[in-house]
Amino acid sequence: HEKNILHLDIKPSNILIDSSGKARL
């Protein structure tokens, strides 16, 4: 958002949890 970008498709299927347990958009 600080870069004036909107994602516009946030939902559970677009959030990955990596092998270290961190969320990735």
mmCIF file of all heavy atoms, coordinates in Angstrom:
data_MODEL
# 
_entry.id   MODEL 
# 
loop_
_atom_site.group_PDB 
_atom_site.id 
_atom_site.type_symbol 
_atom_site.label_atom_id 
_atom_site.label_alt_id 
_atom_site.label_comp_id 
_atom_site.label_asym_id 
_atom_site.label_entity_id 
_atom_site.label_seq_id 
_atom_site.pdbx_PDB_ins_code 
_atom_site.Cartn_x 
_atom_site.Cartn_y 
_atom_site.Cartn_z 
_atom_site.occupancy 
_atom_site.B_iso_or_equiv 
_atom_site.pdbx_formal_charge 
_atom_site.auth_seq_id 
_atom_site.auth_comp_id 
_atom_site.auth_asym_id 
_atom_site.auth_atom_id 
_atom_site.pdbx_PDB_model_num 
ATOM 1   N N   . HIS A 1 1  ? 0.822  -1.206  0.000  1.00 0.00 ? 1  HIS A N   1 
ATOM 2   C CA  . HIS A 1 1  ? 0.000  0.000   0.000  1.00 0.00 ? 1  HIS A CA  1 
ATOM 3   C C   . HIS A 1 1  ? 0.856  1.257   0.000  1.00 0.00 ? 1  HIS A C   1 
ATOM 4   O O   . HIS A 1 1  ? 0.488  2.277   -0.588 1.00 0.00 ? 1  HIS A O   1 
ATOM 5   C CB  . HIS A 1 1  ? -0.956 0.004   1.200  1.00 0.00 ? 1  HIS A CB  1 
ATOM 6   C CG  . HIS A 1 1  ? -2.057 -1.020  1.091  1.00 0.00 ? 1  HIS A CG  1 
ATOM 7   N ND1 . HIS A 1 1  ? -2.911 -1.315  2.135  1.00 0.00 ? 1  HIS A ND1 1 
ATOM 8   C CD2 . HIS A 1 1  ? -2.456 -1.805  0.051  1.00 0.00 ? 1  HIS A CD2 1 
ATOM 9   C CE1 . HIS A 1 1  ? -3.768 -2.236  1.746  1.00 0.00 ? 1  HIS A CE1 1 
ATOM 10  N NE2 . HIS A 1 1  ? -3.514 -2.552  0.482  1.00 0.00 ? 1  HIS A NE2 1 
ATOM 11  N N   . GLU A 1 2  ? 2.004  1.199   0.664  1.00 0.00 ? 2  GLU A N   1 
ATOM 12  C CA  . GLU A 1 2  ? 2.922  2.341   0.645  1.00 0.00 ? 2  GLU A CA  1 
ATOM 13  C C   . GLU A 1 2  ? 3.434  2.617   -0.762 1.00 0.00 ? 2  GLU A C   1 
ATOM 14  O O   . GLU A 1 2  ? 3.859  3.739   -1.064 1.00 0.00 ? 2  GLU A O   1 
ATOM 15  C CB  . GLU A 1 2  ? 4.100  2.086   1.589  1.00 0.00 ? 2  GLU A CB  1 
ATOM 16  C CG  . GLU A 1 2  ? 3.725  2.173   3.062  1.00 0.00 ? 2  GLU A CG  1 
ATOM 17  C CD  . GLU A 1 2  ? 4.838  1.690   3.983  1.00 0.00 ? 2  GLU A CD  1 
ATOM 18  O OE1 . GLU A 1 2  ? 5.918  1.320   3.453  1.00 0.00 ? 2  GLU A OE1 1 
ATOM 19  O OE2 . GLU A 1 2  ? 4.645  1.695   5.212  1.00 0.00 ? 2  GLU A OE2 1 
ATOM 20  N N   . LYS A 1 3  ? 3.391  1.609   -1.617 1.00 0.00 ? 3  LYS A N   1 
ATOM 21  C CA  . LYS A 1 3  ? 3.814  1.759   -3.011 1.00 0.00 ? 3  LYS A CA  1 
ATOM 22  C C   . LYS A 1 3  ? 2.618  2.013   -3.935 1.00 0.00 ? 3  LYS A C   1 
ATOM 23  O O   . LYS A 1 3  ? 2.737  1.911   -5.162 1.00 0.00 ? 3  LYS A O   1 
ATOM 24  C CB  . LYS A 1 3  ? 4.570  0.506   -3.463 1.00 0.00 ? 3  LYS A CB  1 
ATOM 25  C CG  . LYS A 1 3  ? 5.871  0.280   -2.698 1.00 0.00 ? 3  LYS A CG  1 
ATOM 26  C CD  . LYS A 1 3  ? 6.577  -0.968  -3.195 1.00 0.00 ? 3  LYS A CD  1 
ATOM 27  C CE  . LYS A 1 3  ? 7.914  -1.146  -2.491 1.00 0.00 ? 3  LYS A CE  1 
ATOM 28  N NZ  . LYS A 1 3  ? 8.884  -0.072  -2.818 1.00 0.00 ? 3  LYS A NZ  1 
ATOM 29  N N   . ASN A 1 4  ? 1.458  2.326   -3.341 1.00 0.00 ? 4  ASN A N   1 
ATOM 30  C CA  . ASN A 1 4  ? 0.229  2.601   -4.102 1.00 0.00 ? 4  ASN A CA  1 
ATOM 31  C C   . ASN A 1 4  ? -0.185 1.414   -4.969 1.00 0.00 ? 4  ASN A C   1 
ATOM 32  O O   . ASN A 1 4  ? -0.611 1.554   -6.118 1.00 0.00 ? 4  ASN A O   1 
ATOM 33  C CB  . ASN A 1 4  ? 0.372  3.853   -4.967 1.00 0.00 ? 4  ASN A CB  1 
ATOM 34  C CG  . ASN A 1 4  ? 0.244  5.133   -4.148 1.00 0.00 ? 4  ASN A CG  1 
ATOM 35  O OD1 . ASN A 1 4  ? -0.031 5.086   -2.957 1.00 0.00 ? 4  ASN A OD1 1 
ATOM 36  N ND2 . ASN A 1 4  ? 0.455  6.262   -4.790 1.00 0.00 ? 4  ASN A ND2 1 
ATOM 37  N N   . ILE A 1 5  ? -0.080 0.216   -4.386 1.00 0.00 ? 5  ILE A N   1 
ATOM 38  C CA  . ILE A 1 5  ? -0.525 -1.012  -5.050 1.00 0.00 ? 5  ILE A CA  1 
ATOM 39  C C   . ILE A 1 5  ? -1.613 -1.653  -4.205 1.00 0.00 ? 5  ILE A C   1 
ATOM 40  O O   . ILE A 1 5  ? -1.481 -1.742  -2.981 1.00 0.00 ? 5  ILE A O   1 
ATOM 41  C CB  . ILE A 1 5  ? 0.645  -2.009  -5.223 1.00 0.00 ? 5  ILE A CB  1 
ATOM 42  C CG1 . ILE A 1 5  ? 1.710  -1.424  -6.156 1.00 0.00 ? 5  ILE A CG1 1 
ATOM 43  C CG2 . ILE A 1 5  ? 0.146  -3.340  -5.759 1.00 0.00 ? 5  ILE A CG2 1 
ATOM 44  C CD1 . ILE A 1 5  ? 2.990  -2.231  -6.187 1.00 0.00 ? 5  ILE A CD1 1 
ATOM 45  N N   . LEU A 1 6  ? -2.702 -2.071  -4.852 1.00 0.00 ? 6  LEU A N   1 
ATOM 46  C CA  . LEU A 1 6  ? -3.741 -2.863  -4.200 1.00 0.00 ? 6  LEU A CA  1 
ATOM 47  C C   . LEU A 1 6  ? -3.647 -4.300  -4.704 1.00 0.00 ? 6  LEU A C   1 
ATOM 48  O O   . LEU A 1 6  ? -3.468 -4.535  -5.897 1.00 0.00 ? 6  LEU A O   1 
ATOM 49  C CB  . LEU A 1 6  ? -5.141 -2.311  -4.509 1.00 0.00 ? 6  LEU A CB  1 
ATOM 50  C CG  . LEU A 1 6  ? -5.496 -0.948  -3.920 1.00 0.00 ? 6  LEU A CG  1 
ATOM 51  C CD1 . LEU A 1 6  ? -6.932 -0.579  -4.332 1.00 0.00 ? 6  LEU A CD1 1 
ATOM 52  C CD2 . LEU A 1 6  ? -5.370 -0.942  -2.408 1.00 0.00 ? 6  LEU A CD2 1 
ATOM 53  N N   . HIS A 1 7  ? -3.794 -5.258  -3.791 1.00 0.00 ? 7  HIS A N   1 
ATOM 54  C CA  . HIS A 1 7  ? -3.750 -6.665  -4.187 1.00 0.00 ? 7  HIS A CA  1 
ATOM 55  C C   . HIS A 1 7  ? -5.063 -7.082  -4.844 1.00 0.00 ? 7  HIS A C   1 
ATOM 56  O O   . HIS A 1 7  ? -5.080 -7.687  -5.904 1.00 0.00 ? 7  HIS A O   1 
ATOM 57  C CB  . HIS A 1 7  ? -3.478 -7.546  -2.962 1.00 0.00 ? 7  HIS A CB  1 
ATOM 58  C CG  . HIS A 1 7  ? -3.294 -8.985  -3.293 1.00 0.00 ? 7  HIS A CG  1 
ATOM 59  N ND1 . HIS A 1 7  ? -4.367 -9.852  -3.494 1.00 0.00 ? 7  HIS A ND1 1 
ATOM 60  C CD2 . HIS A 1 7  ? -2.177 -9.736  -3.452 1.00 0.00 ? 7  HIS A CD2 1 
ATOM 61  C CE1 . HIS A 1 7  ? -3.905 -11.057 -3.764 1.00 0.00 ? 7  HIS A CE1 1 
ATOM 62  N NE2 . HIS A 1 7  ? -2.580 -11.026 -3.749 1.00 0.00 ? 7  HIS A NE2 1 
ATOM 63  N N   . LEU A 1 8  ? -6.196 -6.798  -4.188 1.00 0.00 ? 8  LEU A N   1 
ATOM 64  C CA  . LEU A 1 8  ? -7.553 -6.992  -4.717 1.00 0.00 ? 8  LEU A CA  1 
ATOM 65  C C   . LEU A 1 8  ? -7.998 -8.447  -4.867 1.00 0.00 ? 8  LEU A C   1 
ATOM 66  O O   . LEU A 1 8  ? -9.019 -8.714  -5.477 1.00 0.00 ? 8  LEU A O   1 
ATOM 67  C CB  . LEU A 1 8  ? -7.730 -6.268  -6.069 1.00 0.00 ? 8  LEU A CB  1 
ATOM 68  C CG  . LEU A 1 8  ? -7.642 -4.738  -6.012 1.00 0.00 ? 8  LEU A CG  1 
ATOM 69  C CD1 . LEU A 1 8  ? -7.726 -4.142  -7.415 1.00 0.00 ? 8  LEU A CD1 1 
ATOM 70  C CD2 . LEU A 1 8  ? -8.732 -4.153  -5.121 1.00 0.00 ? 8  LEU A CD2 1 
ATOM 71  N N   . ASP A 1 9  ? -7.249 -9.382  -4.293 1.00 0.00 ? 9  ASP A N   1 
ATOM 72  C CA  . ASP A 1 9  ? -7.713 -10.784 -4.344 1.00 0.00 ? 9  ASP A CA  1 
ATOM 73  C C   . ASP A 1 9  ? -7.193 -11.553 -3.133 1.00 0.00 ? 9  ASP A C   1 
ATOM 74  O O   . ASP A 1 9  ? -6.702 -12.674 -3.261 1.00 0.00 ? 9  ASP A O   1 
ATOM 75  C CB  . ASP A 1 9  ? -7.257 -11.452 -5.643 1.00 0.00 ? 9  ASP A CB  1 
ATOM 76  C CG  . ASP A 1 9  ? -8.109 -12.680 -5.993 1.00 0.00 ? 9  ASP A CG  1 
ATOM 77  O OD1 . ASP A 1 9  ? -9.226 -12.793 -5.448 1.00 0.00 ? 9  ASP A OD1 1 
ATOM 78  O OD2 . ASP A 1 9  ? -7.653 -13.506 -6.798 1.00 0.00 ? 9  ASP A OD2 1 
ATOM 79  N N   . ILE A 1 10 ? -7.326 -10.952 -1.953 1.00 0.00 ? 10 ILE A N   1 
ATOM 80  C CA  . ILE A 1 10 ? -6.868 -11.611 -0.727 1.00 0.00 ? 10 ILE A CA  1 
ATOM 81  C C   . ILE A 1 10 ? -7.922 -12.617 -0.293 1.00 0.00 ? 10 ILE A C   1 
ATOM 82  O O   . ILE A 1 10 ? -9.102 -12.297 -0.167 1.00 0.00 ? 10 ILE A O   1 
ATOM 83  C CB  . ILE A 1 10 ? -6.626 -10.579 0.385  1.00 0.00 ? 10 ILE A CB  1 
ATOM 84  C CG1 . ILE A 1 10 ? -5.555 -9.591  -0.053 1.00 0.00 ? 10 ILE A CG1 1 
ATOM 85  C CG2 . ILE A 1 10 ? -6.212 -11.261 1.694  1.00 0.00 ? 10 ILE A CG2 1 
ATOM 86  C CD1 . ILE A 1 10 ? -5.555 -8.318  0.753  1.00 0.00 ? 10 ILE A CD1 1 
ATOM 87  N N   . LYS A 1 11 ? -7.490 -13.855 -0.093 1.00 0.00 ? 11 LYS A N   1 
ATOM 88  C CA  . LYS A 1 11 ? -8.357 -14.941 0.356  1.00 0.00 ? 11 LYS A CA  1 
ATOM 89  C C   . LYS A 1 11 ? -7.446 -16.073 0.820  1.00 0.00 ? 11 LYS A C   1 
ATOM 90  O O   . LYS A 1 11 ? -6.233 -16.070 0.529  1.00 0.00 ? 11 LYS A O   1 
ATOM 91  C CB  . LYS A 1 11 ? -9.281 -15.398 -0.772 1.00 0.00 ? 11 LYS A CB  1 
ATOM 92  C CG  . LYS A 1 11 ? -8.566 -15.800 -2.061 1.00 0.00 ? 11 LYS A CG  1 
ATOM 93  C CD  . LYS A 1 11 ? -9.558 -16.102 -3.171 1.00 0.00 ? 11 LYS A CD  1 
ATOM 94  C CE  . LYS A 1 11 ? -8.842 -16.413 -4.477 1.00 0.00 ? 11 LYS A CE  1 
ATOM 95  N NZ  . LYS A 1 11 ? -9.797 -16.675 -5.584 1.00 0.00 ? 11 LYS A NZ  1 
ATOM 96  N N   . PRO A 1 12 ? -7.962 -17.053 1.555  1.00 0.00 ? 12 PRO A N   1 
ATOM 97  C CA  . PRO A 1 12 ? -7.103 -18.113 2.101  1.00 0.00 ? 12 PRO A CA  1 
ATOM 98  C C   . PRO A 1 12 ? -6.280 -18.870 1.068  1.00 0.00 ? 12 PRO A C   1 
ATOM 99  O O   . PRO A 1 12 ? -5.154 -19.262 1.353  1.00 0.00 ? 12 PRO A O   1 
ATOM 100 C CB  . PRO A 1 12 ? -8.109 -19.032 2.801  1.00 0.00 ? 12 PRO A CB  1 
ATOM 101 C CG  . PRO A 1 12 ? -9.205 -18.113 3.235  1.00 0.00 ? 12 PRO A CG  1 
ATOM 102 C CD  . PRO A 1 12 ? -9.345 -17.130 2.100  1.00 0.00 ? 12 PRO A CD  1 
ATOM 103 N N   . SER A 1 13 ? -6.814 -19.056 -0.136 1.00 0.00 ? 13 SER A N   1 
ATOM 104 C CA  . SER A 1 13 ? -6.059 -19.797 -1.148 1.00 0.00 ? 13 SER A CA  1 
ATOM 105 C C   . SER A 1 13 ? -4.896 -18.996 -1.710 1.00 0.00 ? 13 SER A C   1 
ATOM 106 O O   . SER A 1 13 ? -4.016 -19.554 -2.372 1.00 0.00 ? 13 SER A O   1 
ATOM 107 C CB  . SER A 1 13 ? -6.979 -20.248 -2.277 1.00 0.00 ? 13 SER A CB  1 
ATOM 108 O OG  . SER A 1 13 ? -7.634 -19.152 -2.856 1.00 0.00 ? 13 SER A OG  1 
ATOM 109 N N   . ASN A 1 14 ? -4.865 -17.690 -1.479 1.00 0.00 ? 14 ASN A N   1 
ATOM 110 C CA  . ASN A 1 14 ? -3.767 -16.844 -1.944 1.00 0.00 ? 14 ASN A CA  1 
ATOM 111 C C   . ASN A 1 14 ? -2.780 -16.504 -0.830 1.00 0.00 ? 14 ASN A C   1 
ATOM 112 O O   . ASN A 1 14 ? -1.977 -15.580 -0.974 1.00 0.00 ? 14 ASN A O   1 
ATOM 113 C CB  . ASN A 1 14 ? -4.302 -15.563 -2.585 1.00 0.00 ? 14 ASN A CB  1 
ATOM 114 C CG  . ASN A 1 14 ? -4.788 -15.800 -4.006 1.00 0.00 ? 14 ASN A CG  1 
ATOM 115 O OD1 . ASN A 1 14 ? -4.436 -16.796 -4.628 1.00 0.00 ? 14 ASN A OD1 1 
ATOM 116 N ND2 . ASN A 1 14 ? -5.595 -14.894 -4.513 1.00 0.00 ? 14 ASN A ND2 1 
ATOM 117 N N   . ILE A 1 15 ? -2.853 -17.234 0.268  1.00 0.00 ? 15 ILE A N   1 
ATOM 118 C CA  . ILE A 1 15 ? -1.892 -17.084 1.360  1.00 0.00 ? 15 ILE A CA  1 
ATOM 119 C C   . ILE A 1 15 ? -1.252 -18.445 1.600  1.00 0.00 ? 15 ILE A C   1 
ATOM 120 O O   . ILE A 1 15 ? -1.928 -19.403 1.972  1.00 0.00 ? 15 ILE A O   1 
ATOM 121 C CB  . ILE A 1 15 ? -2.561 -16.576 2.642  1.00 0.00 ? 15 ILE A CB  1 
ATOM 122 C CG1 . ILE A 1 15 ? -3.192 -15.198 2.401  1.00 0.00 ? 15 ILE A CG1 1 
ATOM 123 C CG2 . ILE A 1 15 ? -1.553 -16.509 3.789  1.00 0.00 ? 15 ILE A CG2 1 
ATOM 124 C CD1 . ILE A 1 15 ? -4.057 -14.700 3.562  1.00 0.00 ? 15 ILE A CD1 1 
ATOM 125 N N   . LEU A 1 16 ? 0.044  -18.544 1.348  1.00 0.00 ? 16 LEU A N   1 
ATOM 126 C CA  . LEU A 1 16 ? 0.767  -19.787 1.568  1.00 0.00 ? 16 LEU A CA  1 
ATOM 127 C C   . LEU A 1 16 ? 1.497  -19.735 2.910  1.00 0.00 ? 16 LEU A C   1 
ATOM 128 O O   . LEU A 1 16 ? 2.002  -18.678 3.303  1.00 0.00 ? 16 LEU A O   1 
ATOM 129 C CB  . LEU A 1 16 ? 1.785  -20.035 0.451  1.00 0.00 ? 16 LEU A CB  1 
ATOM 130 C CG  . LEU A 1 16 ? 1.253  -20.233 -0.967 1.00 0.00 ? 16 LEU A CG  1 
ATOM 131 C CD1 . LEU A 1 16 ? 2.400  -20.615 -1.897 1.00 0.00 ? 16 LEU A CD1 1 
ATOM 132 C CD2 . LEU A 1 16 ? 0.163  -21.286 -1.012 1.00 0.00 ? 16 LEU A CD2 1 
ATOM 133 N N   . ILE A 1 17 ? 1.558  -20.867 3.580  1.00 0.00 ? 17 ILE A N   1 
ATOM 134 C CA  . ILE A 1 17 ? 2.338  -21.003 4.804  1.00 0.00 ? 17 ILE A CA  1 
ATOM 135 C C   . ILE A 1 17 ? 3.553  -21.850 4.461  1.00 0.00 ? 17 ILE A C   1 
ATOM 136 O O   . ILE A 1 17 ? 3.425  -23.003 4.054  1.00 0.00 ? 17 ILE A O   1 
ATOM 137 C CB  . ILE A 1 17 ? 1.516  -21.658 5.933  1.00 0.00 ? 17 ILE A CB  1 
ATOM 138 C CG1 . ILE A 1 17 ? 0.173  -20.927 6.108  1.00 0.00 ? 17 ILE A CG1 1 
ATOM 139 C CG2 . ILE A 1 17 ? 2.312  -21.649 7.228  1.00 0.00 ? 17 ILE A CG2 1 
ATOM 140 C CD1 . ILE A 1 17 ? 0.286  -19.432 6.376  1.00 0.00 ? 17 ILE A CD1 1 
ATOM 141 N N   . ASP A 1 18 ? 4.746  -21.255 4.596  1.00 0.00 ? 18 ASP A N   1 
ATOM 142 C CA  . ASP A 1 18 ? 5.953  -21.952 4.168  1.00 0.00 ? 18 ASP A CA  1 
ATOM 143 C C   . ASP A 1 18 ? 6.427  -22.938 5.227  1.00 0.00 ? 18 ASP A C   1 
ATOM 144 O O   . ASP A 1 18 ? 5.811  -23.102 6.285  1.00 0.00 ? 18 ASP A O   1 
ATOM 145 C CB  . ASP A 1 18 ? 7.046  -20.957 3.770  1.00 0.00 ? 18 ASP A CB  1 
ATOM 146 C CG  . ASP A 1 18 ? 7.553  -20.114 4.936  1.00 0.00 ? 18 ASP A CG  1 
ATOM 147 O OD1 . ASP A 1 18 ? 7.408  -20.529 6.105  1.00 0.00 ? 18 ASP A OD1 1 
ATOM 148 O OD2 . ASP A 1 18 ? 8.122  -19.034 4.679  1.00 0.00 ? 18 ASP A OD2 1 
ATOM 149 N N   . SER A 1 19 ? 7.541  -23.592 4.946  1.00 0.00 ? 19 SER A N   1 
ATOM 150 C CA  . SER A 1 19 ? 8.027  -24.661 5.815  1.00 0.00 ? 19 SER A CA  1 
ATOM 151 C C   . SER A 1 19 ? 8.470  -24.170 7.185  1.00 0.00 ? 19 SER A C   1 
ATOM 152 O O   . SER A 1 19 ? 8.600  -24.959 8.114  1.00 0.00 ? 19 SER A O   1 
ATOM 153 C CB  . SER A 1 19 ? 9.186  -25.399 5.137  1.00 0.00 ? 19 SER A CB  1 
ATOM 154 O OG  . SER A 1 19 ? 10.222 -24.489 4.804  1.00 0.00 ? 19 SER A OG  1 
ATOM 155 N N   . SER A 1 20 ? 8.697  -22.865 7.321  1.00 0.00 ? 20 SER A N   1 
ATOM 156 C CA  . SER A 1 20 ? 9.070  -22.311 8.630  1.00 0.00 ? 20 SER A CA  1 
ATOM 157 C C   . SER A 1 20 ? 7.868  -21.736 9.372  1.00 0.00 ? 20 SER A C   1 
ATOM 158 O O   . SER A 1 20 ? 8.015  -21.145 10.433 1.00 0.00 ? 20 SER A O   1 
ATOM 159 C CB  . SER A 1 20 ? 10.141 -21.225 8.464  1.00 0.00 ? 20 SER A CB  1 
ATOM 160 O OG  . SER A 1 20 ? 9.637  -20.131 7.718  1.00 0.00 ? 20 SER A OG  1 
ATOM 161 N N   . GLY A 1 21 ? 6.669  -21.892 8.783  1.00 0.00 ? 21 GLY A N   1 
ATOM 162 C CA  . GLY A 1 21 ? 5.462  -21.408 9.442  1.00 0.00 ? 21 GLY A CA  1 
ATOM 163 C C   . GLY A 1 21 ? 5.155  -19.950 9.192  1.00 0.00 ? 21 GLY A C   1 
ATOM 164 O O   . GLY A 1 21 ? 4.334  -19.357 9.894  1.00 0.00 ? 21 GLY A O   1 
ATOM 165 N N   . LYS A 1 22 ? 5.774  -19.348 8.178  1.00 0.00 ? 22 LYS A N   1 
ATOM 166 C CA  . LYS A 1 22 ? 5.540  -17.949 7.850  1.00 0.00 ? 22 LYS A CA  1 
ATOM 167 C C   . LYS A 1 22 ? 4.544  -17.831 6.700  1.00 0.00 ? 22 LYS A C   1 
ATOM 168 O O   . LYS A 1 22 ? 4.570  -18.604 5.746  1.00 0.00 ? 22 LYS A O   1 
ATOM 169 C CB  . LYS A 1 22 ? 6.843  -17.257 7.453  1.00 0.00 ? 22 LYS A CB  1 
ATOM 170 C CG  . LYS A 1 22 ? 7.950  -17.339 8.509  1.00 0.00 ? 22 LYS A CG  1 
ATOM 171 C CD  . LYS A 1 22 ? 7.568  -16.638 9.801  1.00 0.00 ? 22 LYS A CD  1 
ATOM 172 C CE  . LYS A 1 22 ? 8.729  -16.656 10.794 1.00 0.00 ? 22 LYS A CE  1 
ATOM 173 N NZ  . LYS A 1 22 ? 8.342  -16.057 12.094 1.00 0.00 ? 22 LYS A NZ  1 
ATOM 174 N N   . ALA A 1 23 ? 3.662  -16.829 6.782  1.00 0.00 ? 23 ALA A N   1 
ATOM 175 C CA  . ALA A 1 23 ? 2.664  -16.595 5.744  1.00 0.00 ? 23 ALA A CA  1 
ATOM 176 C C   . ALA A 1 23 ? 3.283  -15.820 4.586  1.00 0.00 ? 23 ALA A C   1 
ATOM 177 O O   . ALA A 1 23 ? 4.080  -14.900 4.791  1.00 0.00 ? 23 ALA A O   1 
ATOM 178 C CB  . ALA A 1 23 ? 1.482  -15.825 6.322  1.00 0.00 ? 23 ALA A CB  1 
ATOM 179 N N   . ARG A 1 24 ? 2.909  -16.204 3.374  1.00 0.00 ? 24 ARG A N   1 
ATOM 180 C CA  . ARG A 1 24 ? 3.405  -15.536 2.166  1.00 0.00 ? 24 ARG A CA  1 
ATOM 181 C C   . ARG A 1 24 ? 2.220  -15.212 1.264  1.00 0.00 ? 24 ARG A C   1 
ATOM 182 O O   . ARG A 1 24 ? 1.421  -16.094 0.915  1.00 0.00 ? 24 ARG A O   1 
ATOM 183 C CB  . ARG A 1 24 ? 4.395  -16.441 1.421  1.00 0.00 ? 24 ARG A CB  1 
ATOM 184 C CG  . ARG A 1 24 ? 5.563  -16.941 2.280  1.00 0.00 ? 24 ARG A CG  1 
ATOM 185 C CD  . ARG A 1 24 ? 6.579  -15.862 2.551  1.00 0.00 ? 24 ARG A CD  1 
ATOM 186 N NE  . ARG A 1 24 ? 7.273  -15.477 1.341  1.00 0.00 ? 24 ARG A NE  1 
ATOM 187 C CZ  . ARG A 1 24 ? 8.370  -16.111 0.883  1.00 0.00 ? 24 ARG A CZ  1 
ATOM 188 N NH1 . ARG A 1 24 ? 8.851  -17.160 1.536  1.00 0.00 ? 24 ARG A NH1 1 
ATOM 189 N NH2 . ARG A 1 24 ? 8.968  -15.689 -0.219 1.00 0.00 ? 24 ARG A NH2 1 
ATOM 190 N N   . LEU A 1 25 ? 2.099  -13.952 0.872  1.00 0.00 ? 25 LEU A N   1 
ATOM 191 C CA  . LEU A 1 25 ? 1.024  -13.502 -0.001 1.00 0.00 ? 25 LEU A CA  1 
ATOM 192 C C   . LEU A 1 25 ? 1.421  -13.759 -1.453 1.00 0.00 ? 25 LEU A C   1 
ATOM 193 O O   . LEU A 1 25 ? 2.519  -13.400 -1.884 1.00 0.00 ? 25 LEU A O   1 
ATOM 194 C CB  . LEU A 1 25 ? 0.765  -12.008 0.223  1.00 0.00 ? 25 LEU A CB  1 
ATOM 195 C CG  . LEU A 1 25 ? -0.415 -11.365 -0.508 1.00 0.00 ? 25 LEU A CG  1 
ATOM 196 C CD1 . LEU A 1 25 ? -1.731 -12.021 -0.121 1.00 0.00 ? 25 LEU A CD1 1 
ATOM 197 C CD2 . LEU A 1 25 ? -0.460 -9.865  -0.204 1.00 0.00 ? 25 LEU A CD2 1 
# 
